Amino acid sequence: MNRYTTLLNGGSLAGAIAFALFLVYFYVLGMNPLGGIKFLSIFVPVVVMYFSMKKFKETEGEGFMTYGQGFVAGLIFSFVYASLNGMLIYLYGLIVDASFVDLFITDNLETLGQTKDQMIQLLGEGTYKEMIAEFENLELSDLALSDFQSKLMGGVIITLIMAAILRQNPPVFDHSDDN
């Protein structure tokens, strides 16, 4: 595990920063931190992942990293990032203040109410009522798991791109012996 320290540290840093932004959105801006605003935080894993994978490439790969190695490195980073952030959100709601769950439910129920006619027309009244029931029965653990999953999927997409950007295969023949 020692060789993945850079990725573990980077993922932890990105998860902590994402949680700090969660708190800023909730307390400073008074917004639903798990609503649409969370997508403004996409720069956090992108920037931190780039520098973590670049350092991993320089230290562990001696300047080289295949696409597969980059993909695995990005997956490790993404899992740590999403896990830490989801765990912090869950623990925060469990120990400190779970009012963001009610804000999330209220925000989504208002959105469903505003688009009621279109949703019923598109999905049917039964599906619409099921969606409302699901939001009304939403719990903290569901919300934390959902945030973990969305951050992990976003991290996988970013990983596909970062692995391609940072990919550099080692030379087939070493020309240092040629004189």
C-alpha atoms as a PDB file:
ATOM      1  CA  MET A   1       0.000   0.000   0.000  1.00  0.00           C
ATOM      2  CA  ASN A   2       2.967   2.259   0.450  1.00  0.00           C
ATOM      3  CA  ARG A   3       3.244   2.826  -3.279  1.00  0.00           C
ATOM      4  CA  TYR A   4      -0.311   4.221  -3.379  1.00  0.00           C
ATOM      5  CA  THR A   5       0.266   6.759  -0.599  1.00  0.00           C
ATOM      6  CA  THR A   6       0.120   9.672  -3.024  1.00  0.00           C
ATOM      7  CA  LEU A   7      -3.263   8.540  -4.326  1.00  0.00           C
ATOM      8  CA  LEU A   8      -4.647   7.814  -0.857  1.00  0.00           C
ATOM      9  CA  ASN A   9      -3.525  11.222   0.399  1.00  0.00           C
ATOM     10  CA  GLY A  10      -4.939  12.954  -2.668  1.00  0.00           C
ATOM     11  CA  GLY A  11      -8.274  11.157  -2.394  1.00  0.00           C
ATOM     12  CA  SER A  12      -8.467  12.014   1.302  1.00  0.00           C
ATOM     13  CA  LEU A  13      -7.679  15.656   0.589  1.00  0.00           C
ATOM     14  CA  ALA A  14     -10.319  15.834  -2.152  1.00  0.00           C
ATOM     15  CA  GLY A  15     -12.907  14.174   0.120  1.00  0.00           C
ATOM     16  CA  ALA A  16     -12.176  16.595   2.950  1.00  0.00           C
ATOM     17  CA  ILE A  17     -12.374  19.609   0.629  1.00  0.00           C
ATOM     18  CA  ALA A  18     -15.650  18.351  -0.852  1.00  0.00           C
ATOM     19  CA  PHE A  19     -17.060  17.985   2.668  1.00  0.00           C
ATOM     20  CA  ALA A  20     -15.899  21.500   3.546  1.00  0.00           C
ATOM     21  CA  LEU A  21     -17.729  22.775   0.466  1.00  0.00           C
ATOM     22  CA  PHE A  22     -20.791  20.804   1.617  1.00  0.00           C
ATOM     23  CA  LEU A  23     -20.692  22.769   4.880  1.00  0.00           C
ATOM     24  CA  VAL A  24     -20.172  26.074   3.053  1.00  0.00           C
ATOM     25  CA  TYR A  25     -23.144  25.444   0.776  1.00  0.00           C
ATOM     26  CA  PHE A  26     -25.332  24.508   3.733  1.00  0.00           C
ATOM     27  CA  TYR A  27     -24.349  27.072   6.357  1.00  0.00           C
ATOM     28  CA  VAL A  28     -22.905  30.023   4.472  1.00  0.00           C
ATOM     29  CA  LEU A  29     -25.049  29.967   1.343  1.00  0.00           C
ATOM     30  CA  GLY A  30     -28.106  28.365   2.994  1.00  0.00           C
ATOM     31  CA  MET A  31     -28.607  26.050   0.039  1.00  0.00           C
ATOM     32  CA  ASN A  32     -29.341  22.355  -0.316  1.00  0.00           C
ATOM     33  CA  PRO A  33     -25.758  20.988  -0.268  1.00  0.00           C
ATOM     34  CA  LEU A  34     -26.754  17.779  -2.054  1.00  0.00           C
ATOM     35  CA  GLY A  35     -28.807  19.490  -4.723  1.00  0.00           C
ATOM     36  CA  GLY A  36     -27.656  20.909  -8.020  1.00  0.00           C
ATOM     37  CA  ILE A  37     -25.022  23.123  -6.411  1.00  0.00           C
ATOM     38  CA  LYS A  38     -22.834  20.129  -5.579  1.00  0.00           C
ATOM     39  CA  PHE A  39     -21.894  19.890  -9.249  1.00  0.00           C
ATOM     40  CA  LEU A  40     -19.994  23.171  -8.911  1.00  0.00           C
ATOM     41  CA  SER A  41     -17.543  21.206  -6.757  1.00  0.00           C
ATOM     42  CA  ILE A  42     -16.420  19.042  -9.686  1.00  0.00           C
ATOM     43  CA  PHE A  43     -13.198  21.010  -9.931  1.00  0.00           C
ATOM     44  CA  VAL A  44     -12.045  19.561  -6.583  1.00  0.00           C
ATOM     45  CA  PRO A  45     -11.533  15.939  -7.668  1.00  0.00           C
ATOM     46  CA  VAL A  46     -10.371  16.997 -11.132  1.00  0.00           C
ATOM     47  CA  VAL A  47      -7.547  19.218  -9.885  1.00  0.00           C
ATOM     48  CA  VAL A  48      -6.488  17.048  -6.959  1.00  0.00           C
ATOM     49  CA  MET A  49      -6.674  13.856  -9.046  1.00  0.00           C
ATOM     50  CA  TYR A  50      -4.534  15.386 -11.779  1.00  0.00           C
ATOM     51  CA  PHE A  51      -1.753  16.360  -9.386  1.00  0.00           C
ATOM     52  CA  SER A  52      -1.976  13.101  -7.406  1.00  0.00           C
ATOM     53  CA  MET A  53      -1.808  10.952 -10.524  1.00  0.00           C
ATOM     54  CA  LYS A  54       0.975  13.099 -11.973  1.00  0.00           C
ATOM     55  CA  LYS A  55       3.038  12.666  -8.812  1.00  0.00           C
ATOM     56  CA  PHE A  56       2.224   8.935  -8.787  1.00  0.00           C
ATOM     57  CA  LYS A  57       3.449   8.723 -12.375  1.00  0.00           C
ATOM     58  CA  GLU A  58       6.688  10.520 -11.526  1.00  0.00           C
ATOM     59  CA  THR A  59       7.468   8.623  -8.338  1.00  0.00           C
ATOM     60  CA  GLU A  60       6.126   5.117  -8.906  1.00  0.00           C
ATOM     61  CA  GLY A  61       6.244   4.952 -12.676  1.00  0.00           C
ATOM     62  CA  GLU A  62       9.528   6.853 -13.016  1.00  0.00           C
ATOM     63  CA  GLY A  63       7.855   9.221 -15.464  1.00  0.00           C
ATOM     64  CA  PHE A  64       5.823   6.576 -17.271  1.00  0.00           C
ATOM     65  CA  MET A  65       2.292   5.288 -16.770  1.00  0.00           C
ATOM     66  CA  THR A  66       0.234   3.099 -19.056  1.00  0.00           C
ATOM     67  CA  TYR A  67      -3.466   3.716 -19.499  1.00  0.00           C
ATOM     68  CA  GLY A  68      -4.261   0.682 -17.334  1.00  0.00           C
ATOM     69  CA  GLN A  69      -1.996   1.868 -14.519  1.00  0.00           C
ATOM     70  CA  GLY A  70      -3.569   5.319 -14.732  1.00  0.00           C
ATOM     71  CA  PHE A  71      -7.043   3.829 -14.658  1.00  0.00           C
ATOM     72  CA  VAL A  72      -6.273   1.777 -11.533  1.00  0.00           C
ATOM     73  CA  ALA A  73      -4.651   4.799  -9.888  1.00  0.00           C
ATOM     74  CA  GLY A  74      -7.709   6.916 -10.656  1.00  0.00           C
ATOM     75  CA  LEU A  75     -10.059   4.248  -9.311  1.00  0.00           C
ATOM     76  CA  ILE A  76      -8.145   4.115  -6.040  1.00  0.00           C
ATOM     77  CA  PHE A  77      -8.260   7.913  -5.786  1.00  0.00           C
ATOM     78  CA  SER A  78     -11.978   8.025  -6.645  1.00  0.00           C
ATOM     79  CA  PHE A  79     -12.936   5.347  -4.144  1.00  0.00           C
ATOM     80  CA  VAL A  80     -11.083   7.066  -1.302  1.00  0.00           C
ATOM     81  CA  TYR A  81     -12.524  10.465  -2.294  1.00  0.00           C
ATOM     82  CA  ALA A  82     -16.118   9.239  -2.512  1.00  0.00           C
ATOM     83  CA  SER A  83     -15.864   7.035   0.587  1.00  0.00           C
ATOM     84  CA  LEU A  84     -14.419   9.729   2.816  1.00  0.00           C
ATOM     85  CA  ASN A  85     -16.905  12.345   1.662  1.00  0.00           C
ATOM     86  CA  GLY A  86     -19.891  10.002   2.049  1.00  0.00           C
ATOM     87  CA  MET A  87     -18.709   8.881   5.475  1.00  0.00           C
ATOM     88  CA  LEU A  88     -18.210  12.470   6.668  1.00  0.00           C
ATOM     89  CA  ILE A  89     -21.678  13.448   5.464  1.00  0.00           C
ATOM     90  CA  TYR A  90     -23.215  10.463   7.225  1.00  0.00           C
ATOM     91  CA  LEU A  91     -21.329  11.049  10.481  1.00  0.00           C
ATOM     92  CA  TYR A  92     -22.073  14.761  10.383  1.00  0.00           C
ATOM     93  CA  GLY A  93     -25.781  14.082   9.956  1.00  0.00           C
ATOM     94  CA  LEU A  94     -25.730  11.383  12.625  1.00  0.00           C
ATOM     95  CA  ILE A  95     -23.765  13.282  15.265  1.00  0.00           C
ATOM     96  CA  VAL A  96     -24.041  17.014  14.580  1.00  0.00           C
ATOM     97  CA  ASP A  97     -26.991  18.152  12.457  1.00  0.00           C
ATOM     98  CA  ALA A  98     -29.238  16.157  10.130  1.00  0.00           C
ATOM     99  CA  SER A  99     -31.396  19.121   9.082  1.00  0.00           C
ATOM    100  CA  PHE A 100     -29.865  19.012   5.596  1.00  0.00           C
ATOM    101  CA  VAL A 101     -31.849  15.800   5.010  1.00  0.00           C
ATOM    102  CA  ASP A 102     -35.109  17.688   5.557  1.00  0.00           C
ATOM    103  CA  LEU A 103     -33.862  20.485   3.314  1.00  0.00           C
ATOM    104  CA  PHE A 104     -33.044  17.961   0.596  1.00  0.00           C
ATOM    105  CA  ILE A 105     -36.462  16.316   0.868  1.00  0.00           C
ATOM    106  CA  THR A 106     -38.309  19.653   0.871  1.00  0.00           C
ATOM    107  CA  ASP A 107     -36.284  20.952  -2.080  1.00  0.00           C
ATOM    108  CA  ASN A 108     -36.967  17.851  -4.165  1.00  0.00           C
ATOM    109  CA  LEU A 109     -40.653  17.681  -3.240  1.00  0.00           C
ATOM    110  CA  GLU A 110     -41.031  21.330  -4.287  1.00  0.00           C
ATOM    111  CA  THR A 111     -39.366  20.551  -7.600  1.00  0.00           C
ATOM    112  CA  LEU A 112     -41.657  17.570  -8.122  1.00  0.00           C
ATOM    113  CA  GLY A 113     -44.647  19.736  -7.270  1.00  0.00           C
ATOM    114  CA  GLN A 114     -43.634  22.373  -9.807  1.00  0.00           C
ATOM    115  CA  THR A 115     -43.334  19.788 -12.562  1.00  0.00           C
ATOM    116  CA  LYS A 116     -46.260  17.631 -11.462  1.00  0.00           C
ATOM    117  CA  ASP A 117     -48.252  17.841 -14.695  1.00  0.00           C
ATOM    118  CA  GLN A 118     -45.236  17.112 -16.901  1.00  0.00           C
ATOM    119  CA  MET A 119     -44.093  14.231 -14.678  1.00  0.00           C
ATOM    120  CA  ILE A 120     -47.539  12.606 -14.622  1.00  0.00           C
ATOM    121  CA  GLN A 121     -47.830  13.022 -18.366  1.00  0.00           C
ATOM    122  CA  LEU A 122     -44.370  11.566 -18.933  1.00  0.00           C
ATOM    123  CA  LEU A 123     -44.215   8.808 -16.299  1.00  0.00           C
ATOM    124  CA  GLY A 124     -47.794   8.257 -15.193  1.00  0.00           C
ATOM    125  CA  GLU A 125     -49.547   9.087 -11.949  1.00  0.00           C
ATOM    126  CA  GLY A 126     -48.522   5.850 -10.198  1.00  0.00           C
ATOM    127  CA  THR A 127     -44.822   6.452 -10.806  1.00  0.00           C
ATOM    128  CA  TYR A 128     -45.172  10.070  -9.720  1.00  0.00           C
ATOM    129  CA  LYS A 129     -46.767   9.002  -6.419  1.00  0.00           C
ATOM    130  CA  GLU A 130     -44.003   6.415  -5.911  1.00  0.00           C
ATOM    131  CA  MET A 131     -41.372   9.124  -6.398  1.00  0.00           C
ATOM    132  CA  ILE A 132     -43.045  11.325  -3.795  1.00  0.00           C
ATOM    133  CA  ALA A 133     -43.264   8.403  -1.357  1.00  0.00           C
ATOM    134  CA  GLU A 134     -39.577   7.621  -1.878  1.00  0.00           C
ATOM    135  CA  PHE A 135     -38.581  11.216  -1.123  1.00  0.00           C
ATOM    136  CA  GLU A 136     -40.818  11.354   1.950  1.00  0.00           C
ATOM    137  CA  ASN A 137     -39.230   8.150   3.324  1.00  0.00           C
ATOM    138  CA  LEU A 138     -35.644   9.165   2.544  1.00  0.00           C
ATOM    139  CA  GLU A 139     -33.186   8.702   5.395  1.00  0.00           C
ATOM    140  CA  LEU A 140     -29.708   9.996   6.149  1.00  0.00           C
ATOM    141  CA  SER A 141     -28.071   6.710   5.161  1.00  0.00           C
ATOM    142  CA  ASP A 142     -29.846   6.767   1.788  1.00  0.00           C
ATOM    143  CA  LEU A 143     -28.641  10.287   1.147  1.00  0.00           C
ATOM    144  CA  ALA A 144     -25.034   9.538   2.144  1.00  0.00           C
ATOM    145  CA  LEU A 145     -24.992   6.398  -0.007  1.00  0.00           C
ATOM    146  CA  SER A 146     -26.454   8.284  -2.945  1.00  0.00           C
ATOM    147  CA  ASP A 147     -23.797  10.980  -2.632  1.00  0.00           C
ATOM    148  CA  PHE A 148     -21.074   8.321  -2.406  1.00  0.00           C
ATOM    149  CA  GLN A 149     -22.380   6.652  -5.577  1.00  0.00           C
ATOM    150  CA  SER A 150     -22.632   9.891  -7.538  1.00  0.00           C
ATOM    151  CA  LYS A 151     -19.121  10.951  -6.534  1.00  0.00           C
ATOM    152  CA  LEU A 152     -17.732   7.509  -7.356  1.00  0.00           C
ATOM    153  CA  MET A 153     -19.362   7.487 -10.809  1.00  0.00           C
ATOM    154  CA  GLY A 154     -18.132  11.020 -11.451  1.00  0.00           C
ATOM    155  CA  GLY A 155     -14.670   9.935 -10.327  1.00  0.00           C
ATOM    156  CA  VAL A 156     -14.708   6.986 -12.728  1.00  0.00           C
ATOM    157  CA  ILE A 157     -15.565   9.299 -15.624  1.00  0.00           C
ATOM    158  CA  ILE A 158     -12.805  11.711 -14.603  1.00  0.00           C
ATOM    159  CA  THR A 159     -10.452   8.711 -14.276  1.00  0.00           C
ATOM    160  CA  LEU A 160     -11.072   7.668 -17.873  1.00  0.00           C
ATOM    161  CA  ILE A 161     -10.046  11.128 -19.037  1.00  0.00           C
ATOM    162  CA  MET A 162      -7.094  11.572 -16.641  1.00  0.00           C
ATOM    163  CA  ALA A 163      -5.635   8.170 -17.512  1.00  0.00           C
ATOM    164  CA  ALA A 164      -5.670   9.161 -21.181  1.00  0.00           C
ATOM    165  CA  ILE A 165      -4.147  12.584 -20.509  1.00  0.00           C
ATOM    166  CA  LEU A 166      -1.343  11.316 -18.248  1.00  0.00           C
ATOM    167  CA  ARG A 167      -0.624   8.140 -20.200  1.00  0.00           C
ATOM    168  CA  GLN A 168       2.974   7.814 -21.291  1.00  0.00           C
ATOM    169  CA  ASN A 169       4.267   4.395 -22.203  1.00  0.00           C
ATOM    170  CA  PRO A 170       7.927   3.585 -21.523  1.00  0.00           C
ATOM    171  CA  PRO A 171      10.109   3.327 -24.598  1.00  0.00           C
ATOM    172  CA  VAL A 172      10.315  -0.128 -26.154  1.00  0.00           C
ATOM    173  CA  PHE A 173      14.094   0.026 -26.486  1.00  0.00           C
ATOM    174  CA  ASP A 174      16.430   1.808 -24.134  1.00  0.00           C
ATOM    175  CA  HIS A 175      18.703   4.012 -26.246  1.00  0.00           C
ATOM    176  CA  SER A 176      20.967   5.013 -23.354  1.00  0.00           C
ATOM    177  CA  ASP A 177      23.479   2.258 -24.270  1.00  0.00           C
ATOM    178  CA  ASP A 178      23.902   3.557 -27.820  1.00  0.00           C
ATOM    179  CA  ASN A 179      27.009   5.700 -28.291  1.00  0.00           C
END
